[in-house]
N, C-alpha and C. Protein backbone atom coordinates (compact mmCIF):
# COMPACT_ATOMS: atom_id res chain seq x y z
N MET A 1 -19.65 3.71 -10.85
CA MET A 1 -20.16 3.46 -9.71
C MET A 1 -20.82 4.70 -9.10
N ASN A 2 -21.62 4.47 -8.33
CA ASN A 2 -22.62 5.46 -7.85
C ASN A 2 -21.85 5.83 -6.42
N THR A 3 -22.46 6.89 -6.02
CA THR A 3 -21.63 7.52 -4.73
C THR A 3 -22.62 7.47 -3.53
N ASP A 4 -23.66 6.34 -3.64
CA ASP A 4 -24.60 6.23 -2.51
C ASP A 4 -23.84 5.59 -1.16
N LYS A 5 -24.65 5.42 -0.12
CA LYS A 5 -24.30 4.83 1.21
C LYS A 5 -23.75 3.55 1.02
N THR A 6 -24.39 2.59 0.05
CA THR A 6 -23.73 1.20 -0.35
C THR A 6 -22.11 1.41 -0.62
N THR A 7 -21.99 2.12 -1.67
CA THR A 7 -20.58 2.22 -1.89
C THR A 7 -19.54 2.98 -0.90
N THR A 8 -19.92 3.80 0.14
CA THR A 8 -19.13 4.42 1.08
C THR A 8 -19.09 3.13 1.97
N LEU A 9 -20.10 2.41 2.18
CA LEU A 9 -19.89 1.15 3.21
C LEU A 9 -18.66 0.16 2.55
N ASP A 10 -18.64 0.05 1.11
CA ASP A 10 -17.75 -1.01 0.57
C ASP A 10 -16.39 -0.34 0.84
N LYS A 11 -16.18 1.21 0.56
CA LYS A 11 -14.99 1.60 1.06
C LYS A 11 -14.62 1.73 2.31
N THR A 12 -15.68 1.88 2.98
CA THR A 12 -15.05 1.72 4.35
C THR A 12 -14.88 0.30 4.83
N ALA A 13 -15.34 -0.62 4.36
CA ALA A 13 -14.95 -2.02 4.61
C ALA A 13 -13.60 -2.28 3.88
N ILE A 14 -13.48 -1.70 2.93
CA ILE A 14 -11.95 -1.85 2.15
C ILE A 14 -10.78 -1.20 3.09
N LEU A 15 -11.13 -0.03 3.61
CA LEU A 15 -10.16 0.54 4.24
C LEU A 15 -9.96 -0.27 5.65
N SER A 16 -10.92 -0.73 6.32
CA SER A 16 -10.87 -1.30 7.42
C SER A 16 -10.02 -2.44 7.28
N GLN A 17 -10.24 -3.28 6.21
CA GLN A 17 -9.43 -4.51 5.69
C GLN A 17 -7.73 -4.07 5.57
N LEU A 18 -7.78 -2.91 5.00
CA LEU A 18 -6.38 -2.51 4.60
C LEU A 18 -5.72 -2.26 6.02
N VAL A 19 -6.19 -1.57 6.88
CA VAL A 19 -5.67 -1.14 8.10
C VAL A 19 -5.36 -2.43 8.89
N ALA A 20 -6.49 -3.32 8.79
CA ALA A 20 -6.16 -4.80 9.72
C ALA A 20 -4.84 -5.30 8.85
N GLN A 21 -4.52 -5.56 7.81
CA GLN A 21 -3.41 -5.91 7.17
C GLN A 21 -2.24 -5.30 7.36
N LEU A 22 -1.93 -4.02 7.39
CA LEU A 22 -0.90 -3.15 7.89
C LEU A 22 -0.74 -3.40 9.41
N ALA A 23 -1.86 -3.47 10.22
CA ALA A 23 -1.66 -3.77 11.67
C ALA A 23 -0.90 -5.03 11.80
N GLU A 24 -1.40 -6.17 11.09
CA GLU A 24 -0.67 -7.36 11.27
C GLU A 24 0.70 -7.46 10.89
N SER A 25 0.88 -6.93 9.58
CA SER A 25 2.27 -6.60 9.23
C SER A 25 3.25 -5.80 10.35
N LEU A 26 2.63 -4.81 10.97
CA LEU A 26 3.43 -4.34 11.83
C LEU A 26 3.71 -5.19 13.33
N ALA A 27 2.69 -5.73 13.68
CA ALA A 27 2.84 -6.60 14.67
C ALA A 27 3.95 -7.71 14.29
N GLN A 28 3.81 -8.37 13.22
CA GLN A 28 4.91 -9.29 12.82
C GLN A 28 6.18 -8.62 12.64
N ILE A 29 6.57 -7.57 11.96
CA ILE A 29 7.70 -6.97 11.83
C ILE A 29 8.43 -6.53 13.18
N THR A 30 7.47 -5.90 14.04
CA THR A 30 7.87 -5.49 15.39
C THR A 30 8.41 -6.66 16.18
N GLU A 31 7.72 -7.81 16.09
CA GLU A 31 8.22 -8.93 16.90
C GLU A 31 9.50 -9.33 16.36
N SER A 32 9.53 -9.56 15.08
CA SER A 32 10.95 -9.98 14.26
C SER A 32 12.04 -8.90 14.81
N GLN A 33 11.94 -7.59 14.90
CA GLN A 33 12.76 -6.81 15.16
C GLN A 33 13.29 -6.83 16.65
N ARG A 34 12.63 -7.05 17.50
CA ARG A 34 12.59 -7.42 19.10
C ARG A 34 13.60 -8.54 19.25
N GLU A 35 13.24 -9.71 18.52
CA GLU A 35 13.96 -10.97 18.50
C GLU A 35 15.20 -10.83 17.87
N THR A 36 15.38 -9.95 16.78
CA THR A 36 16.88 -9.88 16.33
C THR A 36 17.43 -8.88 17.19
N GLN A 37 17.01 -8.02 17.66
CA GLN A 37 17.78 -6.94 18.72
C GLN A 37 18.20 -7.66 19.76
N ALA A 38 17.19 -8.84 20.51
CA ALA A 38 17.61 -9.60 21.49
C ALA A 38 18.86 -10.51 21.21
N GLY A 39 18.67 -11.15 19.93
CA GLY A 39 19.84 -11.92 19.43
C GLY A 39 21.13 -11.21 19.27
N THR A 40 21.21 -9.87 19.05
CA THR A 40 22.23 -9.21 18.63
C THR A 40 23.07 -9.03 20.05
N ILE A 41 22.46 -8.89 21.30
CA ILE A 41 23.16 -8.64 22.40
C ILE A 41 23.17 -9.85 23.47
N HIS A 42 22.80 -11.27 22.86
CA HIS A 42 22.92 -12.49 23.54
C HIS A 42 24.30 -12.90 23.47
N GLU A 43 24.77 -13.63 24.55
CA GLU A 43 26.07 -13.80 24.82
C GLU A 43 26.46 -14.86 23.64
N GLU A 44 25.60 -15.45 23.06
CA GLU A 44 26.02 -16.56 22.01
C GLU A 44 26.54 -15.75 20.72
N SER A 45 26.27 -14.33 20.50
CA SER A 45 26.66 -13.67 19.51
C SER A 45 27.77 -12.69 19.59
N ARG A 46 28.61 -13.05 20.73
CA ARG A 46 29.71 -12.50 20.87
C ARG A 46 30.98 -12.82 19.76
N GLN A 47 31.73 -12.04 19.43
CA GLN A 47 32.81 -12.24 18.46
C GLN A 47 33.49 -13.31 18.92
N GLU A 48 33.94 -14.41 18.16
CA GLU A 48 34.82 -15.29 18.80
C GLU A 48 36.28 -15.01 17.94
N ASP A 49 36.45 -14.69 17.01
CA ASP A 49 37.61 -14.03 16.34
C ASP A 49 37.36 -12.99 15.48
N PRO A 50 38.43 -12.35 15.22
CA PRO A 50 38.40 -11.00 14.28
C PRO A 50 37.34 -11.03 13.06
N LYS A 51 37.22 -12.20 12.35
CA LYS A 51 36.52 -12.62 11.52
C LYS A 51 35.23 -12.85 11.52
N ASP A 52 34.63 -12.89 12.80
CA ASP A 52 33.46 -13.38 13.03
C ASP A 52 32.38 -11.87 13.03
N THR A 53 31.50 -11.90 12.22
CA THR A 53 30.85 -10.78 11.94
C THR A 53 29.12 -11.14 12.29
N ARG A 54 28.80 -11.96 13.06
CA ARG A 54 27.61 -12.33 13.37
C ARG A 54 26.80 -11.22 13.98
N ALA A 55 27.67 -10.88 15.09
CA ALA A 55 26.80 -9.73 15.71
C ALA A 55 26.48 -8.34 15.16
N ILE A 56 27.46 -8.05 14.12
CA ILE A 56 27.63 -6.79 13.44
C ILE A 56 26.27 -7.10 12.46
N GLU A 57 26.24 -8.12 11.70
CA GLU A 57 25.01 -8.64 10.70
C GLU A 57 23.77 -8.42 11.52
N SER A 58 23.77 -9.13 12.61
CA SER A 58 22.55 -8.97 13.26
C SER A 58 22.09 -7.67 13.80
N SER A 59 23.02 -6.85 13.86
CA SER A 59 22.84 -5.40 14.31
C SER A 59 22.11 -4.64 13.05
N TYR A 60 22.85 -4.99 12.05
CA TYR A 60 22.42 -4.32 10.53
C TYR A 60 20.86 -4.62 10.28
N LEU A 61 20.53 -6.04 10.62
CA LEU A 61 19.25 -6.38 10.43
C LEU A 61 18.26 -5.99 11.21
N ALA A 62 18.65 -5.82 12.64
CA ALA A 62 17.87 -5.14 13.41
C ALA A 62 17.48 -3.64 13.26
N ARG A 63 18.51 -2.81 12.76
CA ARG A 63 18.28 -1.45 12.47
C ARG A 63 17.29 -1.54 11.08
N GLY A 64 17.49 -2.37 10.09
CA GLY A 64 16.67 -2.30 9.22
C GLY A 64 15.25 -2.57 9.58
N LEU A 65 15.17 -3.85 10.45
CA LEU A 65 13.71 -3.92 10.73
C LEU A 65 13.01 -2.77 11.49
N ALA A 66 13.83 -2.18 12.36
CA ALA A 66 13.48 -1.15 12.93
C ALA A 66 13.05 0.22 12.31
N LYS A 67 13.62 0.33 11.18
CA LYS A 67 13.26 1.26 10.17
C LYS A 67 11.96 1.17 9.57
N ARG A 68 11.88 -0.46 9.18
CA ARG A 68 10.53 -0.62 8.56
C ARG A 68 9.47 -0.73 9.53
N VAL A 69 9.67 -1.02 10.85
CA VAL A 69 8.51 -0.52 11.93
C VAL A 69 8.14 0.77 12.04
N SER A 70 9.07 1.89 11.83
CA SER A 70 8.81 2.98 11.89
C SER A 70 7.96 3.60 10.70
N GLU A 71 8.32 2.79 9.30
CA GLU A 71 7.44 3.23 8.08
C GLU A 71 6.09 2.55 8.23
N LEU A 72 5.92 1.67 9.01
CA LEU A 72 4.76 0.89 9.04
C LEU A 72 3.79 1.53 9.98
N LYS A 73 4.51 2.23 10.86
CA LYS A 73 3.62 2.98 11.91
C LYS A 73 2.99 4.37 11.26
N VAL A 74 3.85 4.75 10.46
CA VAL A 74 3.47 6.09 9.67
C VAL A 74 2.49 5.75 8.62
N ALA A 75 2.54 4.55 7.82
CA ALA A 75 1.56 4.00 6.80
C ALA A 75 0.26 3.72 7.70
N LEU A 76 0.26 3.13 8.65
CA LEU A 76 -1.01 2.86 9.49
C LEU A 76 -1.75 4.02 10.00
N ALA A 77 -0.85 4.94 10.45
CA ALA A 77 -1.50 6.17 10.97
C ALA A 77 -2.11 7.01 9.78
N ALA A 78 -1.43 6.79 8.67
CA ALA A 78 -1.95 7.77 7.47
C ALA A 78 -3.36 6.97 7.07
N LEU A 79 -3.50 5.93 7.03
CA LEU A 79 -5.01 5.10 6.78
C LEU A 79 -5.74 5.32 7.75
N GLN A 80 -5.42 5.30 8.97
CA GLN A 80 -6.36 5.52 10.24
C GLN A 80 -7.18 6.68 10.24
N ILE A 81 -6.22 7.95 9.71
CA ILE A 81 -7.19 9.28 9.50
C ILE A 81 -7.71 9.58 8.25
N LEU A 82 -7.40 8.66 7.39
CA LEU A 82 -8.19 8.85 5.93
C LEU A 82 -9.51 9.30 6.02
N GLU A 83 -10.07 10.11 5.36
CA GLU A 83 -11.44 10.69 5.22
C GLU A 83 -11.55 10.10 3.84
N LEU A 84 -12.85 9.22 3.90
CA LEU A 84 -13.21 8.55 2.72
C LEU A 84 -14.10 9.60 1.98
N ARG A 85 -13.89 10.01 0.68
CA ARG A 85 -14.59 11.04 -0.02
C ARG A 85 -15.44 10.48 -1.19
N PRO A 86 -16.49 10.80 -1.61
CA PRO A 86 -17.20 10.25 -2.48
C PRO A 86 -16.73 11.03 -3.94
N PHE A 87 -16.64 10.12 -4.81
CA PHE A 87 -16.29 10.55 -6.20
C PHE A 87 -17.41 10.35 -7.48
N ASP A 88 -17.35 11.35 -8.15
CA ASP A 88 -18.57 11.14 -9.31
C ASP A 88 -17.76 11.05 -10.61
N GLU A 89 -18.45 11.24 -11.74
CA GLU A 89 -17.81 11.43 -13.11
C GLU A 89 -17.34 12.63 -13.29
N ASP A 90 -17.47 13.70 -12.24
CA ASP A 90 -16.88 15.10 -12.46
C ASP A 90 -16.04 15.45 -11.57
N THR A 91 -15.75 14.52 -10.68
CA THR A 91 -14.71 14.79 -9.54
C THR A 91 -13.28 14.07 -9.88
N PRO A 92 -12.35 15.24 -9.81
CA PRO A 92 -10.86 14.73 -10.00
C PRO A 92 -10.64 13.66 -9.19
N LEU A 93 -9.98 12.49 -9.60
CA LEU A 93 -9.43 11.53 -8.61
C LEU A 93 -8.23 11.93 -7.71
N GLY A 94 -8.62 11.35 -6.43
CA GLY A 94 -7.69 11.62 -5.41
C GLY A 94 -7.51 10.56 -4.63
N VAL A 95 -6.89 10.84 -3.25
CA VAL A 95 -6.92 9.49 -2.48
C VAL A 95 -8.20 9.34 -2.02
N SER A 96 -8.55 8.03 -1.77
CA SER A 96 -9.69 7.21 -1.36
C SER A 96 -10.73 6.88 -2.55
N ALA A 97 -10.54 7.23 -3.63
CA ALA A 97 -11.10 6.81 -4.92
C ALA A 97 -10.98 5.39 -5.05
N LEU A 98 -12.21 4.83 -5.39
CA LEU A 98 -12.23 3.49 -5.81
C LEU A 98 -12.59 3.45 -7.22
N VAL A 99 -11.63 2.96 -8.09
CA VAL A 99 -11.80 3.17 -9.72
C VAL A 99 -11.78 1.83 -10.08
N THR A 100 -12.55 1.80 -11.35
CA THR A 100 -12.58 0.42 -12.21
C THR A 100 -11.86 0.96 -13.19
N LEU A 101 -10.87 0.33 -13.69
CA LEU A 101 -10.07 0.55 -14.99
C LEU A 101 -10.28 -0.70 -16.00
N GLU A 102 -10.47 -0.21 -17.16
CA GLU A 102 -10.50 -1.07 -18.64
C GLU A 102 -9.43 -1.08 -19.23
N ASP A 103 -8.80 -2.06 -19.59
CA ASP A 103 -7.67 -2.14 -20.60
C ASP A 103 -7.93 -2.40 -21.97
N GLU A 104 -7.15 -2.39 -22.81
CA GLU A 104 -7.51 -2.42 -24.44
C GLU A 104 -8.30 -3.69 -24.91
N ASP A 105 -7.92 -4.72 -23.99
CA ASP A 105 -8.62 -6.03 -24.19
C ASP A 105 -9.97 -5.94 -23.80
N GLY A 106 -10.51 -4.99 -22.70
CA GLY A 106 -11.68 -5.00 -22.21
C GLY A 106 -11.72 -5.58 -20.91
N GLU A 107 -10.65 -6.13 -20.43
CA GLU A 107 -10.56 -6.72 -19.01
C GLU A 107 -10.43 -5.53 -18.12
N ARG A 108 -11.28 -5.77 -16.85
CA ARG A 108 -11.58 -4.54 -15.85
C ARG A 108 -10.84 -5.01 -14.54
N ARG A 109 -10.43 -4.12 -14.00
CA ARG A 109 -9.66 -4.36 -12.61
C ARG A 109 -10.28 -3.11 -11.52
N LEU A 110 -10.03 -3.65 -10.42
CA LEU A 110 -10.35 -2.43 -9.37
C LEU A 110 -9.27 -2.03 -8.65
N VAL A 111 -9.02 -0.83 -8.47
CA VAL A 111 -7.97 -0.28 -7.51
C VAL A 111 -8.52 1.00 -6.77
N PHE A 112 -8.04 0.74 -5.71
CA PHE A 112 -8.23 1.83 -4.48
C PHE A 112 -7.02 2.66 -4.29
N LEU A 113 -7.45 4.02 -4.29
CA LEU A 113 -6.30 5.01 -4.32
C LEU A 113 -6.29 5.23 -2.71
N ALA A 114 -4.78 4.94 -2.18
CA ALA A 114 -4.62 5.16 -0.77
C ALA A 114 -3.57 5.79 -0.33
N PRO A 115 -3.10 6.45 0.68
CA PRO A 115 -2.03 7.08 0.91
C PRO A 115 -0.90 6.18 1.13
N SER A 116 -1.18 5.01 1.62
CA SER A 116 -0.11 3.89 1.89
C SER A 116 -0.82 2.55 1.71
N GLY A 117 -0.02 1.56 1.77
CA GLY A 117 -0.37 0.31 1.49
C GLY A 117 -0.53 -0.22 0.05
N GLY A 118 0.43 0.58 -0.59
CA GLY A 118 0.44 0.02 -2.16
C GLY A 118 1.01 -1.39 -2.29
N GLY A 119 0.30 -1.94 -3.31
CA GLY A 119 0.76 -3.38 -3.59
C GLY A 119 -0.14 -4.55 -2.87
N LEU A 120 -0.77 -4.09 -1.78
CA LEU A 120 -1.59 -4.92 -0.85
C LEU A 120 -2.78 -5.01 -1.77
N ARG A 121 -3.42 -6.27 -1.45
CA ARG A 121 -4.87 -6.44 -2.17
C ARG A 121 -5.71 -6.44 -0.99
N VAL A 122 -7.24 -5.94 -1.40
CA VAL A 122 -8.30 -6.31 -0.51
C VAL A 122 -9.19 -7.11 -1.35
N GLY A 123 -9.27 -8.60 -1.17
CA GLY A 123 -10.10 -9.16 -2.17
C GLY A 123 -9.51 -9.06 -3.64
N ASN A 124 -10.44 -8.50 -4.55
CA ASN A 124 -10.00 -8.33 -6.10
C ASN A 124 -9.45 -6.98 -6.13
N ILE A 125 -9.38 -6.10 -5.01
CA ILE A 125 -9.02 -4.82 -5.26
C ILE A 125 -7.56 -4.53 -5.02
N ARG A 126 -6.85 -4.07 -5.95
CA ARG A 126 -5.40 -3.61 -5.51
C ARG A 126 -5.32 -2.21 -5.12
N VAL A 127 -4.47 -2.06 -4.17
CA VAL A 127 -4.26 -0.83 -3.32
C VAL A 127 -3.09 -0.20 -4.32
N VAL A 128 -3.32 1.02 -4.55
CA VAL A 128 -2.30 2.00 -5.27
C VAL A 128 -2.07 3.16 -4.65
N THR A 129 -0.87 3.84 -4.46
CA THR A 129 -0.56 5.00 -3.80
C THR A 129 -0.44 6.06 -5.07
N PRO A 130 -0.40 7.30 -4.65
CA PRO A 130 -0.29 8.26 -5.57
C PRO A 130 1.20 8.46 -6.14
N GLN A 131 1.96 7.68 -5.23
CA GLN A 131 3.57 7.83 -5.45
C GLN A 131 3.82 6.66 -6.66
N ALA A 132 3.07 5.73 -6.87
CA ALA A 132 3.15 4.61 -7.77
C ALA A 132 2.78 5.25 -9.25
N PRO A 133 3.64 4.37 -10.32
CA PRO A 133 3.31 5.10 -11.62
C PRO A 133 1.65 5.05 -12.09
N LEU A 134 0.89 4.06 -11.44
CA LEU A 134 -0.62 4.10 -11.87
C LEU A 134 -1.42 5.15 -10.90
N GLY A 135 -0.85 5.40 -9.92
CA GLY A 135 -1.57 6.22 -9.09
C GLY A 135 -1.42 7.77 -9.42
N ARG A 136 0.04 7.95 -9.86
CA ARG A 136 0.27 9.29 -10.49
C ARG A 136 -0.41 9.49 -11.69
N ALA A 137 -0.60 8.39 -12.61
CA ALA A 137 -1.30 8.90 -13.88
C ALA A 137 -2.77 9.00 -13.44
N MET A 138 -3.45 8.59 -12.41
CA MET A 138 -4.77 8.57 -12.39
C MET A 138 -5.25 9.83 -11.50
N VAL A 139 -4.18 10.39 -10.60
CA VAL A 139 -4.60 11.65 -9.76
C VAL A 139 -5.04 12.75 -10.58
N GLY A 140 -6.04 13.42 -10.37
CA GLY A 140 -6.51 14.55 -11.21
C GLY A 140 -7.52 14.25 -12.42
N GLU A 141 -7.14 13.02 -12.69
CA GLU A 141 -8.16 12.62 -14.06
C GLU A 141 -9.52 12.24 -13.53
N LYS A 142 -10.59 12.07 -14.40
CA LYS A 142 -11.96 12.02 -14.27
C LYS A 142 -12.36 10.93 -14.85
N MET A 143 -13.57 10.25 -14.63
CA MET A 143 -14.21 9.17 -15.27
C MET A 143 -14.25 9.47 -16.72
N GLY A 144 -14.06 8.31 -17.45
CA GLY A 144 -14.09 8.50 -18.85
C GLY A 144 -12.57 9.09 -19.56
N SER A 145 -11.56 9.22 -18.62
CA SER A 145 -10.40 9.73 -19.22
C SER A 145 -9.50 8.20 -19.15
N ALA A 146 -8.48 8.44 -20.18
CA ALA A 146 -7.50 7.24 -20.48
C ALA A 146 -6.44 7.77 -19.73
N VAL A 147 -5.66 6.72 -19.10
CA VAL A 147 -4.28 7.06 -18.64
C VAL A 147 -3.32 6.13 -19.20
N THR A 148 -1.93 6.45 -19.29
CA THR A 148 -1.21 5.70 -19.95
C THR A 148 -0.28 5.25 -18.92
N VAL A 149 0.43 3.88 -18.50
CA VAL A 149 1.21 3.47 -17.58
C VAL A 149 2.01 2.77 -18.19
N GLN A 150 3.47 2.85 -17.69
CA GLN A 150 4.43 1.98 -18.19
C GLN A 150 4.69 0.81 -17.20
N THR A 151 4.65 -0.27 -17.97
CA THR A 151 4.67 -1.70 -17.31
C THR A 151 6.04 -2.41 -17.83
N PRO A 152 6.29 -3.21 -17.23
CA PRO A 152 7.58 -4.41 -17.67
C PRO A 152 7.16 -4.75 -19.02
N LYS A 153 5.85 -4.80 -19.45
CA LYS A 153 5.67 -5.15 -20.74
C LYS A 153 5.33 -4.06 -21.86
N GLY A 154 5.75 -2.97 -21.54
CA GLY A 154 5.89 -1.73 -22.20
C GLY A 154 4.57 -0.83 -21.73
N SER A 155 3.99 0.00 -22.55
CA SER A 155 3.27 0.96 -22.16
C SER A 155 1.82 0.46 -22.33
N GLN A 156 1.08 0.93 -21.31
CA GLN A 156 -0.49 0.25 -21.19
C GLN A 156 -1.47 1.22 -21.22
N GLU A 157 -2.50 1.24 -21.85
CA GLU A 157 -3.47 2.39 -21.70
C GLU A 157 -4.66 1.76 -20.96
N LEU A 158 -4.95 2.30 -19.98
CA LEU A 158 -6.32 2.24 -19.14
C LEU A 158 -7.28 3.19 -19.36
N GLU A 159 -8.69 2.82 -19.50
CA GLU A 159 -9.67 3.76 -19.27
C GLU A 159 -10.26 3.67 -17.83
N ILE A 160 -10.61 4.82 -17.28
CA ILE A 160 -11.47 5.06 -16.15
C ILE A 160 -12.90 4.90 -16.32
N VAL A 161 -13.35 3.70 -16.01
CA VAL A 161 -14.66 3.54 -16.41
C VAL A 161 -15.91 3.51 -15.54
N GLU A 162 -15.10 3.88 -14.26
CA GLU A 162 -16.19 3.95 -12.99
C GLU A 162 -15.49 4.27 -11.78
N VAL A 163 -16.08 5.16 -11.07
CA VAL A 163 -15.60 5.75 -9.74
C VAL A 163 -16.33 5.76 -8.64
N ALA A 164 -15.91 5.99 -7.37
CA ALA A 164 -16.74 6.00 -6.30
C ALA A 164 -15.87 6.57 -5.36
């Protein structure tokens, strides 16, 4: 891929959609956490007998959701301050790289290397973080390099065929 203005706009659009997805997730999880917290202190959640654990279970769930809210806030902040950099065939890959990978069968896939949001998809582009196996394999590599990733089906070799 080239590093002209069109590609930069594409990466800007990808990042914008990724931020929107995480913001939506944050809003949903925050609302769930509020509802769960409110249910924990509701009078109907009071312990009716020594074996009644509804309130305790609800508080565990609320605590887990609060932790997830905190994690999503950090992830969203990381994306909101992400500086999109151009990459070319001589630039080692890092965060904000848009990479086309080709497998041994000639099938291609697009991945966007981001500080957070791993596993999400923006259209046909999969978001990968540097902490993920594929992200770790790609960071520091250049166009034309082959990376090997362990998958549930075994080891897979992918070639970096385009970068932006």
